[in-house]
PDB file of N, CA and C in Angstrom:
ATOM      1  N   MET A   1      88.007  22.021 112.460  1.00  0.00           N
ATOM      2  CA  MET A   1      87.304  20.946 111.784  1.00  0.00           C
ATOM      3  C   MET A   1      86.861  21.445 110.400  1.00  0.00           C
ATOM      4  N   ALA A   2      87.145  20.686 109.383  1.00  0.00           N
ATOM      5  CA  ALA A   2      86.811  21.056 108.007  1.00  0.00           C
ATOM      6  C   ALA A   2      85.354  20.708 107.706  1.00  0.00           C
ATOM      7  N   TYR A   3      84.800  21.476 106.775  1.00  0.00           N
ATOM      8  CA  TYR A   3      83.446  21.172 106.298  1.00  0.00           C
ATOM      9  C   TYR A   3      83.439  19.839 105.576  1.00  0.00           C
ATOM     10  N   THR A   4      82.337  19.121 105.726  1.00  0.00           N
ATOM     11  CA  THR A   4      82.174  17.928 104.902  1.00  0.00           C
ATOM     12  C   THR A   4      81.618  18.378 103.559  1.00  0.00           C
ATOM     13  N   GLU A   5      81.653  17.518 102.594  1.00  0.00           N
ATOM     14  CA  GLU A   5      81.101  17.838 101.270  1.00  0.00           C
ATOM     15  C   GLU A   5      79.612  18.142 101.385  1.00  0.00           C
ATOM     16  N   ALA A   6      78.904  17.410 102.225  1.00  0.00           N
ATOM     17  CA  ALA A   6      77.464  17.642 102.414  1.00  0.00           C
ATOM     18  C   ALA A   6      77.215  19.031 103.003  1.00  0.00           C
ATOM     19  N   GLN A   7      78.056  19.456 103.946  1.00  0.00           N
ATOM     20  CA  GLN A   7      77.903  20.791 104.531  1.00  0.00           C
ATOM     21  C   GLN A   7      78.168  21.877 103.493  1.00  0.00           C
ATOM     22  N   ARG A   8      79.193  21.669 102.667  1.00  0.00           N
ATOM     23  CA  ARG A   8      79.504  22.627 101.600  1.00  0.00           C
ATOM     24  C   ARG A   8      78.340  22.759 100.634  1.00  0.00           C
ATOM     25  N   GLU A   9      77.768  21.635 100.250  1.00  0.00           N
ATOM     26  CA  GLU A   9      76.639  21.646  99.316  1.00  0.00           C
ATOM     27  C   GLU A   9      75.412  22.314  99.939  1.00  0.00           C
ATOM     28  N   ALA A  10      75.150  22.043 101.211  1.00  0.00           N
ATOM     29  CA  ALA A  10      74.013  22.657 101.894  1.00  0.00           C
ATOM     30  C   ALA A  10      74.204  24.173 101.994  1.00  0.00           C
ATOM     31  N   THR A  11      75.411  24.603 102.302  1.00  0.00           N
ATOM     32  CA  THR A  11      75.697  26.040 102.371  1.00  0.00           C
ATOM     33  C   THR A  11      75.520  26.693 101.011  1.00  0.00           C
ATOM     34  N   ALA A  12      75.992  26.057  99.962  1.00  0.00           N
ATOM     35  CA  ALA A  12      75.851  26.595  98.610  1.00  0.00           C
ATOM     36  C   ALA A  12      74.379  26.706  98.222  1.00  0.00           C
ATOM     37  N   ARG A  13      73.578  25.706  98.565  1.00  0.00           N
ATOM     38  CA  ARG A  13      72.139  25.758  98.262  1.00  0.00           C
ATOM     39  C   ARG A  13      71.474  26.905  99.009  1.00  0.00           C
ATOM     40  N   TYR A  14      71.805  27.064 100.280  1.00  0.00           N
ATOM     41  CA  TYR A  14      71.232  28.151 101.082  1.00  0.00           C
ATOM     42  C   TYR A  14      71.625  29.507 100.498  1.00  0.00           C
ATOM     43  N   ASN A  15      72.910  29.684 100.207  1.00  0.00           N
ATOM     44  CA  ASN A  15      73.373  30.963  99.662  1.00  0.00           C
ATOM     45  C   ASN A  15      72.699  31.289  98.340  1.00  0.00           C
ATOM     46  N   LYS A  16      72.521  30.299  97.509  1.00  0.00           N
ATOM     47  CA  LYS A  16      71.866  30.525  96.210  1.00  0.00           C
ATOM     48  C   LYS A  16      70.411  30.961  96.407  1.00  0.00           C
ATOM     49  N   LYS A  17      69.752  30.409  97.412  1.00  0.00           N
ATOM     50  CA  LYS A  17      68.355  30.734  97.688  1.00  0.00           C
ATOM     51  C   LYS A  17      68.214  32.083  98.390  1.00  0.00           C
ATOM     52  N   ALA A  18      69.146  32.417  99.272  1.00  0.00           N
ATOM     53  CA  ALA A  18      68.994  33.570 100.155  1.00  0.00           C
ATOM     54  C   ALA A  18      69.651  34.858  99.644  1.00  0.00           C
ATOM     55  N   TYR A  19      70.598  34.766  98.724  1.00  0.00           N
ATOM     56  CA  TYR A  19      71.375  35.936  98.329  1.00  0.00           C
ATOM     57  C   TYR A  19      71.431  36.087  96.814  1.00  0.00           C
ATOM     58  N   ASP A  20      71.488  37.348  96.375  1.00  0.00           N
ATOM     59  CA  ASP A  20      71.797  37.670  94.981  1.00  0.00           C
ATOM     60  C   ASP A  20      73.282  38.004  94.922  1.00  0.00           C
ATOM     61  N   ARG A  21      73.886  37.776  93.772  1.00  0.00           N
ATOM     62  CA  ARG A  21      75.301  38.091  93.597  1.00  0.00           C
ATOM     63  C   ARG A  21      75.436  39.205  92.572  1.00  0.00           C
ATOM     64  N   ILE A  22      76.381  40.090  92.816  1.00  0.00           N
ATOM     65  CA  ILE A  22      76.730  41.150  91.875  1.00  0.00           C
ATOM     66  C   ILE A  22      78.234  41.075  91.664  1.00  0.00           C
ATOM     67  N   ASP A  23      78.650  40.940  90.424  1.00  0.00           N
ATOM     68  CA  ASP A  23      80.084  40.962  90.131  1.00  0.00           C
ATOM     69  C   ASP A  23      80.521  42.409  90.007  1.00  0.00           C
ATOM     70  N   LEU A  24      81.608  42.744  90.665  1.00  0.00           N
ATOM     71  CA  LEU A  24      82.149  44.092  90.652  1.00  0.00           C
ATOM     72  C   LEU A  24      83.529  44.032  90.026  1.00  0.00           C
ATOM     73  N   VAL A  25      83.767  44.871  89.026  1.00  0.00           N
ATOM     74  CA  VAL A  25      85.051  44.895  88.341  1.00  0.00           C
ATOM     75  C   VAL A  25      85.766  46.190  88.705  1.00  0.00           C
ATOM     76  N   VAL A  26      87.002  46.065  89.197  1.00  0.00           N
ATOM     77  CA  VAL A  26      87.827  47.222  89.543  1.00  0.00           C
ATOM     78  C   VAL A  26      89.200  47.057  88.896  1.00  0.00           C
ATOM     79  N   LYS A  27      89.931  48.163  88.769  1.00  0.00           N
ATOM     80  CA  LYS A  27      91.267  48.108  88.175  1.00  0.00           C
ATOM     81  C   LYS A  27      92.203  47.283  89.047  1.00  0.00           C
ATOM     82  N   LYS A  28      93.211  46.715  88.425  1.00  0.00           N
ATOM     83  CA  LYS A  28      94.205  45.920  89.141  1.00  0.00           C
ATOM     84  C   LYS A  28      94.751  46.699  90.332  1.00  0.00           C
ATOM     85  N   GLY A  29      94.852  46.043  91.459  1.00  0.00           N
ATOM     86  CA  GLY A  29      95.380  46.647  92.662  1.00  0.00           C
ATOM     87  C   GLY A  29      94.318  47.336  93.507  1.00  0.00           C
ATOM     88  N   ARG A  30      93.205  47.720  92.904  1.00  0.00           N
ATOM     89  CA  ARG A  30      92.152  48.438  93.634  1.00  0.00           C
ATOM     90  C   ARG A  30      91.474  47.532  94.654  1.00  0.00           C
ATOM     91  N   ARG A  31      91.314  46.251  94.313  1.00  0.00           N
ATOM     92  CA  ARG A  31      90.678  45.303  95.225  1.00  0.00           C
ATOM     93  C   ARG A  31      91.419  45.250  96.556  1.00  0.00           C
ATOM     94  N   ASP A  32      92.741  45.166  96.496  1.00  0.00           N
ATOM     95  CA  ASP A  32      93.530  45.112  97.728  1.00  0.00           C
ATOM     96  C   ASP A  32      93.427  46.421  98.501  1.00  0.00           C
ATOM     97  N   GLU A  33      93.378  47.540  97.788  1.00  0.00           N
ATOM     98  CA  GLU A  33      93.224  48.839  98.436  1.00  0.00           C
ATOM     99  C   GLU A  33      91.884  48.913  99.176  1.00  0.00           C
ATOM    100  N   ILE A  34      90.817  48.453  98.526  1.00  0.00           N
ATOM    101  CA  ILE A  34      89.482  48.450  99.147  1.00  0.00           C
ATOM    102  C   ILE A  34      89.465  47.505 100.340  1.00  0.00           C
ATOM    103  N   LYS A  35      90.084  46.343 100.187  1.00  0.00           N
ATOM    104  CA  LYS A  35      90.124  45.362 101.276  1.00  0.00           C
ATOM    105  C   LYS A  35      90.841  45.922 102.499  1.00  0.00           C
ATOM    106  N   ARG A  36      91.971  46.591 102.291  1.00  0.00           N
ATOM    107  CA  ARG A  36      92.714  47.191 103.403  1.00  0.00           C
ATOM    108  C   ARG A  36      91.913  48.308 104.075  1.00  0.00           C
ATOM    109  N   PHE A  37      91.252  49.126 103.262  1.00  0.00           N
ATOM    110  CA  PHE A  37      90.454  50.223 103.801  1.00  0.00           C
ATOM    111  C   PHE A  37      89.304  49.678 104.644  1.00  0.00           C
ATOM    112  N   ALA A  38      88.619  48.669 104.127  1.00  0.00           N
ATOM    113  CA  ALA A  38      87.514  48.055 104.865  1.00  0.00           C
ATOM    114  C   ALA A  38      88.020  47.453 106.172  1.00  0.00           C
ATOM    115  N   ALA A  39      89.142  46.771 106.127  1.00  0.00           N
ATOM    116  CA  ALA A  39      89.715  46.154 107.333  1.00  0.00           C
ATOM    117  C   ALA A  39      90.063  47.215 108.365  1.00  0.00           C
ATOM    118  N   ALA A  40      90.544  48.369 107.913  1.00  0.00           N
ATOM    119  CA  ALA A  40      90.874  49.459 108.836  1.00  0.00           C
ATOM    120  C   ALA A  40      89.620  49.969 109.548  1.00  0.00           C
ATOM    121  N   LEU A  41      88.476  49.810 108.907  1.00  0.00           N
ATOM    122  CA  LEU A  41      87.204  50.196 109.513  1.00  0.00           C
ATOM    123  C   LEU A  41      86.594  49.055 110.325  1.00  0.00           C
ATOM    124  N   GLY A  42      87.265  47.904 110.330  1.00  0.00           N
ATOM    125  CA  GLY A  42      86.755  46.741 111.061  1.00  0.00           C
ATOM    126  C   GLY A  42      85.646  46.027 110.323  1.00  0.00           C
ATOM    127  N   LYS A  43      85.632  46.145 108.991  1.00  0.00           N
ATOM    128  CA  LYS A  43      84.580  45.533 108.179  1.00  0.00           C
ATOM    129  C   LYS A  43      85.189  44.607 107.137  1.00  0.00           C
ATOM    130  N   SER A  44      84.371  43.666 106.679  1.00  0.00           N
ATOM    131  CA  SER A  44      84.763  42.873 105.522  1.00  0.00           C
ATOM    132  C   SER A  44      84.579  43.742 104.284  1.00  0.00           C
ATOM    133  N   THR A  45      85.196  43.350 103.194  1.00  0.00           N
ATOM    134  CA  THR A  45      85.017  44.076 101.937  1.00  0.00           C
ATOM    135  C   THR A  45      83.543  44.086 101.547  1.00  0.00           C
ATOM    136  N   ASN A  46      82.881  42.958 101.702  1.00  0.00           N
ATOM    137  CA  ASN A  46      81.469  42.854 101.351  1.00  0.00           C
ATOM    138  C   ASN A  46      80.616  43.815 102.190  1.00  0.00           C
ATOM    139  N   GLN A  47      80.863  43.840 103.496  1.00  0.00           N
ATOM    140  CA  GLN A  47      80.084  44.725 104.367  1.00  0.00           C
ATOM    141  C   GLN A  47      80.369  46.187 104.053  1.00  0.00           C
ATOM    142  N   PHE A  48      81.618  46.521 103.769  1.00  0.00           N
ATOM    143  CA  PHE A  48      81.975  47.891 103.408  1.00  0.00           C
ATOM    144  C   PHE A  48      81.218  48.330 102.152  1.00  0.00           C
ATOM    145  N   ILE A  49      81.208  47.482 101.134  1.00  0.00           N
ATOM    146  CA  ILE A  49      80.521  47.827  99.882  1.00  0.00           C
ATOM    147  C   ILE A  49      79.017  47.926 100.108  1.00  0.00           C
ATOM    148  N   ASN A  50      78.435  46.991 100.851  1.00  0.00           N
ATOM    149  CA  ASN A  50      77.001  47.055 101.140  1.00  0.00           C
ATOM    150  C   ASN A  50      76.643  48.318 101.921  1.00  0.00           C
ATOM    151  N   ASP A  51      77.469  48.686 102.900  1.00  0.00           N
ATOM    152  CA  ASP A  51      77.222  49.910 103.670  1.00  0.00           C
ATOM    153  C   ASP A  51      77.295  51.144 102.771  1.00  0.00           C
ATOM    154  N   ALA A  52      78.270  51.169 101.864  1.00  0.00           N
ATOM    155  CA  ALA A  52      78.410  52.298 100.947  1.00  0.00           C
ATOM    156  C   ALA A  52      77.186  52.416 100.033  1.00  0.00           C
ATOM    157  N   ILE A  53      76.695  51.292  99.550  1.00  0.00           N
ATOM    158  CA  ILE A  53      75.494  51.288  98.710  1.00  0.00           C
ATOM    159  C   ILE A  53      74.298  51.787  99.512  1.00  0.00           C
ATOM    160  N   ASP A  54      74.119  51.260 100.724  1.00  0.00           N
ATOM    161  CA  ASP A  54      72.996  51.686 101.574  1.00  0.00           C
ATOM    162  C   ASP A  54      73.049  53.189 101.847  1.00  0.00           C
ATOM    163  N   ARG A  55      74.249  53.691 102.156  1.00  0.00           N
ATOM    164  CA  ARG A  55      74.415  55.109 102.451  1.00  0.00           C
ATOM    165  C   ARG A  55      74.081  55.964 101.223  1.00  0.00           C
ATOM    166  N   ALA A  56      74.569  55.576 100.056  1.00  0.00           N
ATOM    167  CA  ALA A  56      74.312  56.334  98.824  1.00  0.00           C
ATOM    168  C   ALA A  56      72.822  56.323  98.487  1.00  0.00           C
ATOM    169  N   MET A  57      72.177  55.187  98.669  1.00  0.00           N
ATOM    170  CA  MET A  57      70.741  55.105  98.369  1.00  0.00           C
ATOM    171  C   MET A  57      69.916  55.928  99.357  1.00  0.00           C
ATOM    172  N   ALA A  58      70.306  55.937 100.629  1.00  0.00           N
ATOM    173  CA  ALA A  58      69.596  56.745 101.630  1.00  0.00           C
ATOM    174  C   ALA A  58      69.766  58.238 101.337  1.00  0.00           C
ATOM    175  N   GLU A  59      70.981  58.635 100.954  1.00  0.00           N
ATOM    176  CA  GLU A  59      71.211  60.039 100.616  1.00  0.00           C
ATOM    177  C   GLU A  59      70.395  60.452  99.393  1.00  0.00           C
ATOM    178  N   ALA A  60      70.327  59.582  98.389  1.00  0.00           N
ATOM    179  CA  ALA A  60      69.564  59.895  97.181  1.00  0.00           C
ATOM    180  C   ALA A  60      68.079  59.994  97.496  1.00  0.00           C
ATOM    181  N   ALA A  61      67.589  59.166  98.409  1.00  0.00           N
ATOM    182  CA  ALA A  61      66.176  59.190  98.776  1.00  0.00           C
ATOM    183  C   ALA A  61      65.832  60.469  99.529  1.00  0.00           C
ATOM    184  N   ASP A  62      66.803  61.038 100.251  1.00  0.00           N
ATOM    185  CA  ASP A  62      66.575  62.255 101.022  1.00  0.00           C
ATOM    186  C   ASP A  62      66.536  63.503 100.149  1.00  0.00           C
ATOM    187  N   GLN A  63      67.021  63.409  98.925  1.00  0.00           N
ATOM    188  CA  GLN A  63      67.085  64.593  98.059  1.00  0.00           C
ATOM    189  C   GLN A  63      65.786  64.880  97.377  1.00  0.00           C
TER     190      GLN A  63
END
């Protein structure tokens, strides 16, 4: 079943309120490489990047 226009708009409003966006720029072809790597770990690209950020910040806090 497809989303209705009202559902799409409600989701967009929620996402705008609940989440910040960060644009990430990578070299051509790198996006697909990251996507495949994340999938091999059973994660979405977004979750893989968020986990990497969390891990790096935790390591920096421990130093």
